[in-house]
Amino acid sequence: MTTREREYARANQQRAAQYTELWIVGSSEDLAVMLHAAAQTGRLVYVSAPHQMGGDDTRHRRYLRLRSS
């Protein structure tokens, strides 16, 4: 591995370490409370549109990206 490749790999790892990515599942009201709290702390970077779980399940899921620090 060349020096350039090592530096590129290290930079990518550092960028990835800056964020936490997760899926949250719950009722619309519960998700709204969680998103509001994340936005108020300044950690919310990205949130997806709500997706229904499917079937008889009335919950929704959303993808979040939060700042780690």
N, C-alpha and C. Protein backbone atom coordinates (compact mmCIF):
# COMPACT_ATOMS: atom_id res chain seq x y z
N MET A 1 0.85 -1.17 0.00
CA MET A 1 0.00 0.00 0.00
C MET A 1 0.90 1.24 0.00
N THR A 2 0.60 2.16 -0.87
CA THR A 2 1.41 3.36 -0.96
C THR A 2 1.05 4.35 0.15
N THR A 3 1.87 5.33 0.32
CA THR A 3 1.62 6.36 1.34
C THR A 3 0.32 7.08 1.04
N ARG A 4 0.07 7.36 -0.21
CA ARG A 4 -1.17 8.05 -0.59
C ARG A 4 -2.39 7.20 -0.25
N GLU A 5 -2.34 5.92 -0.51
CA GLU A 5 -3.46 5.02 -0.19
C GLU A 5 -3.69 4.94 1.31
N ARG A 6 -2.60 4.89 2.09
CA ARG A 6 -2.74 4.86 3.55
C ARG A 6 -3.39 6.14 4.07
N GLU A 7 -2.97 7.28 3.57
CA GLU A 7 -3.55 8.56 4.01
C GLU A 7 -5.01 8.67 3.60
N TYR A 8 -5.35 8.18 2.43
CA TYR A 8 -6.74 8.20 1.99
C TYR A 8 -7.61 7.32 2.89
N ALA A 9 -7.11 6.13 3.23
CA ALA A 9 -7.85 5.22 4.10
C ALA A 9 -8.02 5.83 5.49
N ARG A 10 -7.00 6.47 6.00
CA ARG A 10 -7.08 7.09 7.33
C ARG A 10 -8.09 8.25 7.32
N ALA A 11 -8.07 9.06 6.29
CA ALA A 11 -9.02 10.17 6.19
C ALA A 11 -10.45 9.67 6.13
N ASN A 12 -10.69 8.59 5.39
CA ASN A 12 -12.04 8.03 5.31
C ASN A 12 -12.50 7.50 6.66
N GLN A 13 -11.61 6.87 7.41
CA GLN A 13 -11.97 6.36 8.73
C GLN A 13 -12.29 7.50 9.69
N GLN A 14 -11.55 8.59 9.61
CA GLN A 14 -11.81 9.72 10.48
C GLN A 14 -13.15 10.37 10.15
N ARG A 15 -13.46 10.49 8.86
CA ARG A 15 -14.75 11.06 8.46
C ARG A 15 -15.89 10.17 8.93
N ALA A 16 -15.74 8.86 8.81
CA ALA A 16 -16.78 7.93 9.22
C ALA A 16 -16.97 7.96 10.73
N ALA A 17 -15.90 8.20 11.48
CA ALA A 17 -15.99 8.21 12.93
C ALA A 17 -16.72 9.44 13.45
N GLN A 18 -16.91 10.45 12.62
CA GLN A 18 -17.57 11.67 13.04
C GLN A 18 -19.08 11.51 13.15
N TYR A 19 -19.63 10.45 12.59
CA TYR A 19 -21.08 10.29 12.54
C TYR A 19 -21.52 8.94 13.10
N THR A 20 -22.74 8.93 13.62
CA THR A 20 -23.40 7.70 14.02
C THR A 20 -24.63 7.57 13.14
N GLU A 21 -24.79 6.43 12.50
CA GLU A 21 -25.93 6.19 11.62
C GLU A 21 -26.79 5.10 12.22
N LEU A 22 -28.10 5.32 12.27
CA LEU A 22 -28.99 4.33 12.85
C LEU A 22 -30.40 4.45 12.29
N TRP A 23 -31.15 3.38 12.46
CA TRP A 23 -32.57 3.36 12.12
C TRP A 23 -33.34 3.44 13.43
N ILE A 24 -34.36 4.29 13.48
CA ILE A 24 -35.23 4.33 14.65
C ILE A 24 -36.62 3.90 14.22
N VAL A 25 -37.31 3.20 15.10
CA VAL A 25 -38.63 2.65 14.81
C VAL A 25 -39.56 3.04 15.94
N GLY A 26 -40.74 3.51 15.59
CA GLY A 26 -41.73 3.86 16.61
C GLY A 26 -42.93 4.52 16.00
N SER A 27 -43.81 4.98 16.87
CA SER A 27 -45.00 5.70 16.39
C SER A 27 -44.56 7.07 15.89
N SER A 28 -45.40 7.71 15.12
CA SER A 28 -45.07 9.03 14.57
C SER A 28 -44.77 10.03 15.67
N GLU A 29 -45.54 9.96 16.76
CA GLU A 29 -45.35 10.90 17.87
C GLU A 29 -44.01 10.66 18.56
N ASP A 30 -43.66 9.39 18.77
CA ASP A 30 -42.38 9.07 19.41
C ASP A 30 -41.21 9.52 18.55
N LEU A 31 -41.30 9.29 17.25
CA LEU A 31 -40.23 9.70 16.36
C LEU A 31 -40.08 11.21 16.34
N ALA A 32 -41.19 11.93 16.39
CA ALA A 32 -41.13 13.39 16.39
C ALA A 32 -40.40 13.91 17.62
N VAL A 33 -40.64 13.30 18.77
CA VAL A 33 -39.97 13.71 20.00
C VAL A 33 -38.47 13.45 19.89
N MET A 34 -38.09 12.27 19.38
CA MET A 34 -36.68 11.93 19.24
C MET A 34 -35.97 12.89 18.28
N LEU A 35 -36.61 13.18 17.15
CA LEU A 35 -36.01 14.07 16.16
C LEU A 35 -35.88 15.48 16.70
N HIS A 36 -36.86 15.93 17.45
CA HIS A 36 -36.80 17.27 18.04
C HIS A 36 -35.63 17.36 19.00
N ALA A 37 -35.45 16.35 19.84
CA ALA A 37 -34.34 16.34 20.79
C ALA A 37 -33.00 16.34 20.07
N ALA A 38 -32.86 15.55 19.03
CA ALA A 38 -31.61 15.50 18.27
C ALA A 38 -31.33 16.83 17.58
N ALA A 39 -32.35 17.47 17.07
CA ALA A 39 -32.18 18.76 16.40
C ALA A 39 -31.79 19.84 17.41
N GLN A 40 -32.38 19.81 18.60
CA GLN A 40 -32.08 20.81 19.62
C GLN A 40 -30.64 20.72 20.12
N THR A 41 -30.07 19.53 20.14
CA THR A 41 -28.68 19.36 20.59
C THR A 41 -27.69 19.70 19.49
N GLY A 42 -28.16 19.88 18.26
CA GLY A 42 -27.28 20.20 17.15
C GLY A 42 -26.57 19.00 16.57
N ARG A 43 -26.98 17.80 16.92
CA ARG A 43 -26.32 16.59 16.43
C ARG A 43 -26.97 16.02 15.17
N LEU A 44 -28.18 16.42 14.87
CA LEU A 44 -28.90 15.87 13.72
C LEU A 44 -28.31 16.41 12.43
N VAL A 45 -27.84 15.50 11.58
CA VAL A 45 -27.26 15.87 10.29
C VAL A 45 -28.24 15.55 9.16
N TYR A 46 -28.86 14.37 9.21
CA TYR A 46 -29.75 13.92 8.14
C TYR A 46 -30.82 13.04 8.72
N VAL A 47 -32.03 13.17 8.19
CA VAL A 47 -33.12 12.28 8.57
C VAL A 47 -33.90 11.94 7.29
N SER A 48 -34.22 10.65 7.14
CA SER A 48 -34.96 10.22 5.95
C SER A 48 -36.45 10.45 6.14
N ALA A 49 -37.17 10.29 5.07
CA ALA A 49 -38.64 10.35 5.14
C ALA A 49 -39.13 9.11 5.90
N PRO A 50 -40.28 9.20 6.56
CA PRO A 50 -40.78 8.03 7.29
C PRO A 50 -41.24 6.93 6.33
N HIS A 51 -40.95 5.69 6.71
CA HIS A 51 -41.39 4.52 5.96
C HIS A 51 -42.21 3.64 6.88
N GLN A 52 -43.37 3.19 6.41
CA GLN A 52 -44.18 2.30 7.23
C GLN A 52 -43.51 0.94 7.31
N MET A 53 -43.69 0.27 8.44
CA MET A 53 -43.09 -1.04 8.65
C MET A 53 -43.75 -2.11 7.78
N GLY A 54 -45.01 -1.95 7.47
CA GLY A 54 -45.68 -2.91 6.61
C GLY A 54 -46.60 -3.84 7.37
N GLY A 55 -47.48 -4.47 6.65
CA GLY A 55 -48.44 -5.38 7.27
C GLY A 55 -49.39 -4.64 8.19
N ASP A 56 -49.69 -5.24 9.33
CA ASP A 56 -50.57 -4.61 10.31
C ASP A 56 -49.83 -3.70 11.27
N ASP A 57 -48.52 -3.63 11.14
CA ASP A 57 -47.70 -2.81 12.02
C ASP A 57 -47.88 -1.34 11.66
N THR A 58 -48.31 -0.52 12.60
CA THR A 58 -48.57 0.89 12.32
C THR A 58 -47.36 1.78 12.60
N ARG A 59 -46.26 1.19 13.04
CA ARG A 59 -45.07 1.99 13.33
C ARG A 59 -44.38 2.44 12.05
N HIS A 60 -43.52 3.42 12.19
CA HIS A 60 -42.71 3.94 11.10
C HIS A 60 -41.24 3.76 11.46
N ARG A 61 -40.38 3.79 10.44
CA ARG A 61 -38.94 3.76 10.67
C ARG A 61 -38.32 4.92 9.92
N ARG A 62 -37.25 5.45 10.47
CA ARG A 62 -36.51 6.54 9.84
C ARG A 62 -35.03 6.32 10.03
N TYR A 63 -34.27 6.71 9.04
CA TYR A 63 -32.82 6.61 9.09
C TYR A 63 -32.27 7.96 9.58
N LEU A 64 -31.34 7.91 10.54
CA LEU A 64 -30.74 9.13 11.08
C LEU A 64 -29.24 9.10 10.92
N ARG A 65 -28.67 10.26 10.73
CA ARG A 65 -27.22 10.44 10.82
C ARG A 65 -27.00 11.55 11.85
N LEU A 66 -26.25 11.21 12.90
CA LEU A 66 -25.99 12.13 13.99
C LEU A 66 -24.50 12.41 14.11
N ARG A 67 -24.14 13.63 14.49
CA ARG A 67 -22.74 13.94 14.77
C ARG A 67 -22.33 13.23 16.05
N SER A 68 -21.15 12.65 16.04
CA SER A 68 -20.66 11.94 17.22
C SER A 68 -20.12 12.89 18.28
N SER A 69 -19.56 14.00 17.86
CA SER A 69 -18.99 14.92 18.85
C SER A 69 -19.41 16.34 18.60
